[in-house]
Structure formats: C-alpha cells, structure tokens
C-alpha atoms as a PDB file:
ATOM      1  CA  MET A   1     -30.600   3.321 -55.872  1.00  0.00           C
ATOM      2  CA  THR A   2     -26.899   3.110 -56.491  1.00  0.00           C
ATOM      3  CA  TYR A   3     -25.031   3.361 -59.782  1.00  0.00           C
ATOM      4  CA  LYS A   4     -21.573   2.675 -61.175  1.00  0.00           C
ATOM      5  CA  ILE A   5     -19.691   4.485 -63.897  1.00  0.00           C
ATOM      6  CA  ASP A   6     -19.212   3.015 -67.391  1.00  0.00           C
ATOM      7  CA  GLN A   7     -16.948   0.014 -66.930  1.00  0.00           C
ATOM      8  CA  PHE A   8     -14.506   0.929 -69.719  1.00  0.00           C
ATOM      9  CA  VAL A   9     -12.621   2.914 -67.056  1.00  0.00           C
ATOM     10  CA  ARG A  10     -11.202  -0.387 -65.712  1.00  0.00           C
ATOM     11  CA  LYS A  11      -8.646  -0.244 -68.532  1.00  0.00           C
ATOM     12  CA  ILE A  12      -7.110   3.025 -67.271  1.00  0.00           C
ATOM     13  CA  SER A  13      -3.923   2.360 -65.307  1.00  0.00           C
ATOM     14  CA  SER A  14      -3.069   6.019 -64.520  1.00  0.00           C
ATOM     15  CA  PRO A  15      -4.342   8.023 -61.550  1.00  0.00           C
ATOM     16  CA  ILE A  16      -7.805   9.481 -62.220  1.00  0.00           C
ATOM     17  CA  THR A  17      -9.391  12.740 -61.128  1.00  0.00           C
ATOM     18  CA  VAL A  18     -13.179  12.831 -61.454  1.00  0.00           C
ATOM     19  CA  LEU A  19     -15.047  16.129 -61.600  1.00  0.00           C
ATOM     20  CA  VAL A  20     -18.730  15.914 -60.647  1.00  0.00           C
ATOM     21  CA  GLY A  21     -20.259  19.374 -60.416  1.00  0.00           C
ATOM     22  CA  ASP A  22     -18.200  21.162 -57.762  1.00  0.00           C
ATOM     23  CA  LYS A  23     -16.838  17.919 -56.240  1.00  0.00           C
ATOM     24  CA  ILE A  24     -13.419  16.453 -57.030  1.00  0.00           C
ATOM     25  CA  LEU A  25     -12.817  12.733 -56.492  1.00  0.00           C
ATOM     26  CA  GLU A  26      -9.365  11.110 -56.720  1.00  0.00           C
ATOM     27  CA  PHE A  27      -8.798   7.470 -57.674  1.00  0.00           C
ATOM     28  CA  GLU A  28      -5.620   5.394 -57.835  1.00  0.00           C
ATOM     29  CA  ASN A  29      -6.607   3.844 -61.188  1.00  0.00           C
ATOM     30  CA  GLY A  30      -9.604   2.798 -63.276  1.00  0.00           C
ATOM     31  CA  GLU A  31     -10.180  -0.381 -61.299  1.00  0.00           C
ATOM     32  CA  THR A  32     -10.923   1.603 -58.125  1.00  0.00           C
ATOM     33  CA  LEU A  33     -13.156   4.032 -60.031  1.00  0.00           C
ATOM     34  CA  ALA A  34     -15.095   1.157 -61.635  1.00  0.00           C
ATOM     35  CA  GLY A  35     -15.898  -0.178 -58.159  1.00  0.00           C
ATOM     36  CA  TYR A  36     -16.976   3.196 -56.742  1.00  0.00           C
ATOM     37  CA  VAL A  37     -20.726   3.537 -56.076  1.00  0.00           C
ATOM     38  CA  PHE A  38     -22.505   6.771 -57.035  1.00  0.00           C
ATOM     39  CA  ASP A  39     -25.928   7.881 -55.792  1.00  0.00           C
ATOM     40  CA  ARG A  40     -26.941   9.119 -59.273  1.00  0.00           C
ATOM     41  CA  LYS A  41     -26.511   7.875 -62.838  1.00  0.00           C
ATOM     42  CA  TYR A  42     -23.604   9.709 -64.471  1.00  0.00           C
ATOM     43  CA  SER A  43     -22.140   9.548 -67.949  1.00  0.00           C
ATOM     44  CA  VAL A  44     -18.700  10.648 -69.129  1.00  0.00           C
ATOM     45  CA  ALA A  45     -18.879  14.126 -70.652  1.00  0.00           C
ATOM     46  CA  VAL A  46     -15.151  14.886 -71.029  1.00  0.00           C
ATOM     47  CA  LEU A  47     -12.109  12.631 -70.885  1.00  0.00           C
ATOM     48  CA  ARG A  48      -8.678  14.281 -71.010  1.00  0.00           C
ATOM     49  CA  ALA A  49      -5.098  13.847 -69.851  1.00  0.00           C
ATOM     50  CA  GLU A  50      -3.292  16.280 -67.567  1.00  0.00           C
ATOM     51  CA  GLY A  51       0.315  15.308 -67.052  1.00  0.00           C
ATOM     52  CA  SER A  52       0.378  11.685 -65.918  1.00  0.00           C
ATOM     53  CA  ALA A  53      -3.249  11.696 -64.719  1.00  0.00           C
ATOM     54  CA  VAL A  54      -6.562  11.237 -66.494  1.00  0.00           C
ATOM     55  CA  VAL A  55      -9.298  13.777 -65.780  1.00  0.00           C
ATOM     56  CA  ILE A  56     -12.908  12.681 -66.288  1.00  0.00           C
ATOM     57  CA  THR A  57     -15.817  15.116 -66.117  1.00  0.00           C
ATOM     58  CA  LEU A  58     -19.176  13.508 -65.375  1.00  0.00           C
ATOM     59  CA  ASP A  59     -22.663  14.807 -66.187  1.00  0.00           C
ATOM     60  CA  GLU A  60     -25.837  13.441 -64.703  1.00  0.00           C
ATOM     61  CA  ASN A  61     -27.624  11.130 -67.120  1.00  0.00           C
ATOM     62  CA  GLU A  62     -31.170  12.490 -67.439  1.00  0.00           C
ATOM     63  CA  GLN A  63     -32.341   9.506 -69.512  1.00  0.00           C
ATOM     64  CA  VAL A  64     -31.783   6.636 -67.104  1.00  0.00           C
ATOM     65  CA  ASN A  65     -34.445   4.495 -68.785  1.00  0.00           C
ATOM     66  CA  ASP A  66     -33.461   5.070 -72.423  1.00  0.00           C
ATOM     67  CA  THR A  67     -33.614   1.346 -73.261  1.00  0.00           C
ATOM     68  CA  ASN A  68     -36.475  -1.087 -73.004  1.00  0.00           C
ATOM     69  CA  TRP A  69     -36.532  -4.444 -71.243  1.00  0.00           C
ATOM     70  CA  ILE A  70     -34.809  -6.275 -74.119  1.00  0.00           C
ATOM     71  CA  GLY A  71     -32.024  -3.705 -74.479  1.00  0.00           C
ATOM     72  CA  GLU A  72     -33.302  -1.782 -77.506  1.00  0.00           C
ATOM     73  CA  GLU A  73     -33.497   1.984 -77.631  1.00  0.00           C
ATOM     74  CA  GLN A  74     -36.894   3.499 -77.007  1.00  0.00           C
ATOM     75  CA  GLN A  75     -38.711   4.622 -80.154  1.00  0.00           C
ATOM     76  CA  THR A  76     -41.318   7.319 -80.415  1.00  0.00           C
ATOM     77  CA  PHE A  77     -43.893   7.264 -83.156  1.00  0.00           C
ATOM     78  CA  PHE A  78     -45.655  10.581 -82.563  1.00  0.00           C
END
C-alpha cells in the first residue's frame, strides 16, 4: 500500500525538511510534499520553523484503521 501525508501541508509555501526516523527528505514546498508517496502511514508529530524553512517530524501511525466505514471513530464497550 502507499500513503500520503496530511494534505494541510499544501498550504506551506516555504521549503520543507521532513524527518522520518533517521532519514531526511527535502521538499521545495508543501505542494511537492503533498504529492509525495510514502510506503507507511505517517502523522505529523512536530512542526517547527528553522530560519526560512519548515521542519516536520513524522511518526508512524500505529492506528491506521481508527475509523469505521462511515468515518466515525471506533468505540469500545468493554
């Protein structure tokens, strides 16, 4: 399966550095990051500015299926 990052990043016009574990990915802006395909589901853990660039740290999303088929959050009753 392939995944994309949260699409709010499209609104970022500055250069973006993405930190995923020990990997560093560089993007021209949020539009290019929004189109990038990841092999795992990641969520934004930290979003900060360094100079004129935005630095985003990603963590793997362990709860990929945290919503049901109609878009509601899963509920546990026990």
